[in-house]
Amino acid sequence: MKMERSSGNIFADLDVPDAGNMKLRVELSMAIEDIIGSKGWSQREAAEHFGTSPQRLNDVLRGRVHRVTIDRLVNMITAAGQHVRIEVGKVA
């Protein structure tokens, strides 16, 4: 078995279309999961705070990020009183 060093984006490594977009969605969904854990919210409570349905939040928490837009994820985070910062830089 040959091992290769990751680029830091598993989606790009697997030639997934829109790899950067998918990586950002996963990072945002992980932030949402962290917020829920730090606040001690149930999924139903979290959905109310995030301004989304429990079903959509379930998609986010189960990694089905292809079902939600980056806009929706950012809006969920800001609805919980957090801010999102995106950095742009050269590809290594």
N, C-alpha and C. Protein backbone atom coordinates (compact mmCIF):
# COMPACT_ATOMS: atom_id res chain seq x y z
N MET A 1 0.84 -1.16 0.00
CA MET A 1 0.00 0.00 0.00
C MET A 1 0.89 1.24 0.00
N LYS A 2 0.62 2.14 -0.91
CA LYS A 2 1.39 3.38 -1.00
C LYS A 2 0.68 4.47 -0.22
N MET A 3 1.43 5.18 0.61
CA MET A 3 0.85 6.28 1.38
C MET A 3 1.25 7.59 0.73
N GLU A 4 0.30 8.53 0.75
CA GLU A 4 0.55 9.87 0.22
C GLU A 4 0.24 10.89 1.27
N ARG A 5 1.00 11.97 1.27
CA ARG A 5 0.75 13.07 2.20
C ARG A 5 -0.49 13.82 1.73
N SER A 6 -1.35 14.16 2.68
CA SER A 6 -2.59 14.88 2.37
C SER A 6 -2.29 16.33 2.02
N SER A 7 -3.12 16.89 1.19
CA SER A 7 -3.02 18.30 0.85
C SER A 7 -3.61 19.18 1.95
N GLY A 8 -4.28 18.54 2.91
CA GLY A 8 -5.00 19.29 3.94
C GLY A 8 -6.47 19.42 3.61
N ASN A 9 -6.86 18.92 2.44
CA ASN A 9 -8.26 18.93 2.03
C ASN A 9 -8.59 17.55 1.46
N ILE A 10 -9.22 16.73 2.26
CA ILE A 10 -9.53 15.36 1.85
C ILE A 10 -10.38 15.33 0.58
N PHE A 11 -11.24 16.33 0.42
CA PHE A 11 -12.10 16.38 -0.76
C PHE A 11 -11.26 16.59 -2.02
N ALA A 12 -10.25 17.46 -1.94
CA ALA A 12 -9.36 17.68 -3.08
C ALA A 12 -8.53 16.42 -3.34
N ASP A 13 -8.08 15.78 -2.27
CA ASP A 13 -7.29 14.56 -2.43
C ASP A 13 -8.08 13.47 -3.15
N LEU A 14 -9.39 13.47 -2.95
CA LEU A 14 -10.25 12.46 -3.58
C LEU A 14 -10.89 12.96 -4.88
N ASP A 15 -10.43 14.12 -5.35
CA ASP A 15 -10.94 14.72 -6.59
C ASP A 15 -12.45 14.95 -6.57
N VAL A 16 -12.97 15.34 -5.41
CA VAL A 16 -14.39 15.67 -5.28
C VAL A 16 -14.62 17.04 -5.91
N PRO A 17 -15.64 17.17 -6.77
CA PRO A 17 -15.94 18.49 -7.33
C PRO A 17 -16.25 19.49 -6.21
N ASP A 18 -15.85 20.74 -6.40
CA ASP A 18 -16.07 21.80 -5.41
C ASP A 18 -15.44 21.45 -4.07
N ALA A 19 -14.23 20.93 -4.10
CA ALA A 19 -13.55 20.46 -2.88
C ALA A 19 -13.41 21.57 -1.84
N GLY A 20 -13.05 22.77 -2.26
CA GLY A 20 -12.89 23.87 -1.31
C GLY A 20 -14.21 24.22 -0.65
N ASN A 21 -15.26 24.20 -1.42
CA ASN A 21 -16.61 24.48 -0.92
C ASN A 21 -17.01 23.44 0.11
N MET A 22 -16.78 22.18 -0.19
CA MET A 22 -17.14 21.10 0.73
C MET A 22 -16.32 21.18 2.02
N LYS A 23 -15.03 21.50 1.90
CA LYS A 23 -14.19 21.62 3.10
C LYS A 23 -14.71 22.74 4.00
N LEU A 24 -15.09 23.86 3.41
CA LEU A 24 -15.62 24.97 4.19
C LEU A 24 -16.92 24.59 4.88
N ARG A 25 -17.78 23.87 4.18
CA ARG A 25 -19.04 23.41 4.80
C ARG A 25 -18.78 22.52 6.00
N VAL A 26 -17.81 21.63 5.87
CA VAL A 26 -17.48 20.74 6.99
C VAL A 26 -16.92 21.54 8.17
N GLU A 27 -16.05 22.50 7.89
CA GLU A 27 -15.49 23.32 8.97
C GLU A 27 -16.59 24.10 9.68
N LEU A 28 -17.54 24.66 8.92
CA LEU A 28 -18.65 25.39 9.53
C LEU A 28 -19.55 24.46 10.33
N SER A 29 -19.80 23.26 9.82
CA SER A 29 -20.65 22.32 10.55
C SER A 29 -19.98 21.86 11.84
N MET A 30 -18.66 21.75 11.84
CA MET A 30 -17.94 21.40 13.06
C MET A 30 -18.05 22.53 14.08
N ALA A 31 -18.02 23.77 13.61
CA ALA A 31 -18.21 24.92 14.51
C ALA A 31 -19.60 24.88 15.12
N ILE A 32 -20.60 24.52 14.33
CA ILE A 32 -21.97 24.42 14.83
C ILE A 32 -22.06 23.33 15.91
N GLU A 33 -21.43 22.22 15.66
CA GLU A 33 -21.41 21.14 16.65
C GLU A 33 -20.73 21.60 17.95
N ASP A 34 -19.64 22.35 17.82
CA ASP A 34 -18.94 22.88 19.00
C ASP A 34 -19.84 23.84 19.79
N ILE A 35 -20.58 24.70 19.08
CA ILE A 35 -21.48 25.64 19.74
C ILE A 35 -22.53 24.89 20.54
N ILE A 36 -23.12 23.88 19.92
CA ILE A 36 -24.16 23.09 20.60
C ILE A 36 -23.60 22.46 21.87
N GLY A 37 -22.41 21.88 21.76
CA GLY A 37 -21.79 21.24 22.92
C GLY A 37 -21.47 22.23 24.03
N SER A 38 -20.96 23.40 23.66
CA SER A 38 -20.58 24.38 24.69
C SER A 38 -21.80 24.98 25.37
N LYS A 39 -22.92 25.06 24.66
CA LYS A 39 -24.15 25.62 25.23
C LYS A 39 -24.99 24.56 25.95
N GLY A 40 -24.70 23.29 25.67
CA GLY A 40 -25.47 22.21 26.28
C GLY A 40 -26.88 22.09 25.73
N TRP A 41 -27.08 22.51 24.49
CA TRP A 41 -28.40 22.49 23.88
C TRP A 41 -28.74 21.10 23.35
N SER A 42 -30.02 20.75 23.42
CA SER A 42 -30.52 19.58 22.69
C SER A 42 -30.59 19.98 21.22
N GLN A 43 -30.80 19.01 20.34
CA GLN A 43 -30.92 19.35 18.92
C GLN A 43 -32.12 20.25 18.67
N ARG A 44 -33.19 20.01 19.37
CA ARG A 44 -34.39 20.84 19.18
C ARG A 44 -34.12 22.28 19.64
N GLU A 45 -33.48 22.42 20.80
CA GLU A 45 -33.14 23.76 21.29
C GLU A 45 -32.18 24.46 20.33
N ALA A 46 -31.19 23.72 19.87
CA ALA A 46 -30.21 24.29 18.94
C ALA A 46 -30.88 24.75 17.66
N ALA A 47 -31.79 23.95 17.12
CA ALA A 47 -32.49 24.33 15.89
C ALA A 47 -33.23 25.64 16.08
N GLU A 48 -33.86 25.81 17.24
CA GLU A 48 -34.56 27.06 17.53
C GLU A 48 -33.59 28.23 17.58
N HIS A 49 -32.47 28.07 18.26
CA HIS A 49 -31.47 29.14 18.35
C HIS A 49 -30.85 29.45 16.99
N PHE A 50 -30.66 28.43 16.18
CA PHE A 50 -30.05 28.61 14.86
C PHE A 50 -31.05 29.08 13.81
N GLY A 51 -32.32 29.06 14.14
CA GLY A 51 -33.33 29.50 13.18
C GLY A 51 -33.50 28.54 12.02
N THR A 52 -33.42 27.26 12.31
CA THR A 52 -33.56 26.25 11.27
C THR A 52 -34.42 25.11 11.79
N SER A 53 -34.74 24.19 10.92
CA SER A 53 -35.56 23.04 11.34
C SER A 53 -34.68 21.98 11.99
N PRO A 54 -35.27 21.18 12.88
CA PRO A 54 -34.50 20.07 13.46
C PRO A 54 -33.97 19.11 12.39
N GLN A 55 -34.73 18.92 11.32
CA GLN A 55 -34.29 18.02 10.25
C GLN A 55 -33.04 18.56 9.55
N ARG A 56 -33.03 19.87 9.28
CA ARG A 56 -31.86 20.46 8.60
C ARG A 56 -30.65 20.42 9.53
N LEU A 57 -30.85 20.70 10.81
CA LEU A 57 -29.74 20.63 11.76
C LEU A 57 -29.21 19.19 11.84
N ASN A 58 -30.09 18.22 11.81
CA ASN A 58 -29.69 16.83 11.81
C ASN A 58 -28.80 16.52 10.61
N ASP A 59 -29.15 17.06 9.44
CA ASP A 59 -28.30 16.88 8.25
C ASP A 59 -26.89 17.42 8.52
N VAL A 60 -26.81 18.59 9.11
CA VAL A 60 -25.52 19.22 9.40
C VAL A 60 -24.71 18.35 10.36
N LEU A 61 -25.35 17.90 11.43
CA LEU A 61 -24.65 17.14 12.46
C LEU A 61 -24.26 15.74 12.00
N ARG A 62 -24.93 15.21 11.02
CA ARG A 62 -24.62 13.87 10.50
C ARG A 62 -23.69 13.92 9.29
N GLY A 63 -23.17 15.13 8.99
CA GLY A 63 -22.19 15.25 7.91
C GLY A 63 -22.78 15.32 6.52
N ARG A 64 -24.08 15.51 6.42
CA ARG A 64 -24.71 15.62 5.10
C ARG A 64 -24.67 17.08 4.64
N VAL A 65 -23.46 17.61 4.59
CA VAL A 65 -23.28 19.04 4.31
C VAL A 65 -23.62 19.41 2.87
N HIS A 66 -23.73 18.43 2.00
CA HIS A 66 -24.13 18.72 0.62
C HIS A 66 -25.58 19.19 0.56
N ARG A 67 -26.33 19.01 1.65
CA ARG A 67 -27.74 19.41 1.68
C ARG A 67 -27.94 20.84 2.19
N VAL A 68 -26.87 21.50 2.61
CA VAL A 68 -26.99 22.86 3.13
C VAL A 68 -25.99 23.78 2.44
N THR A 69 -26.36 25.04 2.31
CA THR A 69 -25.47 26.00 1.68
C THR A 69 -24.54 26.62 2.72
N ILE A 70 -23.46 27.18 2.23
CA ILE A 70 -22.56 27.91 3.11
C ILE A 70 -23.30 29.07 3.75
N ASP A 71 -24.15 29.75 2.99
CA ASP A 71 -24.94 30.85 3.55
C ASP A 71 -25.77 30.40 4.74
N ARG A 72 -26.44 29.27 4.61
CA ARG A 72 -27.28 28.77 5.71
C ARG A 72 -26.42 28.46 6.93
N LEU A 73 -25.26 27.84 6.73
CA LEU A 73 -24.38 27.51 7.85
C LEU A 73 -23.89 28.77 8.56
N VAL A 74 -23.48 29.77 7.77
CA VAL A 74 -23.03 31.04 8.36
C VAL A 74 -24.18 31.69 9.12
N ASN A 75 -25.37 31.70 8.54
CA ASN A 75 -26.52 32.30 9.22
C ASN A 75 -26.85 31.58 10.52
N MET A 76 -26.68 30.27 10.55
CA MET A 76 -26.93 29.52 11.78
C MET A 76 -25.94 29.93 12.87
N ILE A 77 -24.69 30.07 12.49
CA ILE A 77 -23.66 30.44 13.46
C ILE A 77 -23.90 31.85 13.99
N THR A 78 -24.21 32.78 13.11
CA THR A 78 -24.44 34.16 13.57
C THR A 78 -25.72 34.27 14.39
N ALA A 79 -26.71 33.44 14.11
CA ALA A 79 -27.94 33.44 14.91
C ALA A 79 -27.67 33.01 16.35
N ALA A 80 -26.59 32.25 16.54
CA ALA A 80 -26.21 31.80 17.88
C ALA A 80 -25.28 32.80 18.57
N GLY A 81 -25.10 33.98 17.96
CA GLY A 81 -24.29 35.02 18.58
C GLY A 81 -22.80 34.91 18.32
N GLN A 82 -22.43 34.10 17.34
CA GLN A 82 -21.03 33.95 16.98
C GLN A 82 -20.76 34.68 15.67
N HIS A 83 -19.50 34.88 15.34
CA HIS A 83 -19.17 35.47 14.05
C HIS A 83 -18.30 34.49 13.26
N VAL A 84 -18.27 34.70 11.97
CA VAL A 84 -17.49 33.84 11.07
C VAL A 84 -16.46 34.70 10.37
N ARG A 85 -15.22 34.22 10.36
CA ARG A 85 -14.15 34.92 9.65
C ARG A 85 -13.57 33.94 8.64
N ILE A 86 -13.46 34.40 7.41
CA ILE A 86 -12.89 33.56 6.34
C ILE A 86 -11.60 34.22 5.88
N GLU A 87 -10.55 33.44 5.82
CA GLU A 87 -9.26 33.94 5.36
C GLU A 87 -8.99 33.41 3.97
N VAL A 88 -8.41 34.26 3.14
CA VAL A 88 -8.06 33.89 1.78
C VAL A 88 -6.54 33.97 1.66
N GLY A 89 -5.96 32.95 1.08
CA GLY A 89 -4.50 32.95 0.91
C GLY A 89 -4.10 32.09 -0.28
N LYS A 90 -2.84 32.09 -0.57
CA LYS A 90 -2.33 31.29 -1.67
C LYS A 90 -2.35 29.82 -1.32
N VAL A 91 -2.56 29.01 -2.32
CA VAL A 91 -2.54 27.56 -2.15
C VAL A 91 -1.09 27.14 -1.99
N ALA A 92 -0.84 26.28 -1.02
CA ALA A 92 0.53 25.81 -0.75
C ALA A 92 1.03 24.89 -1.82
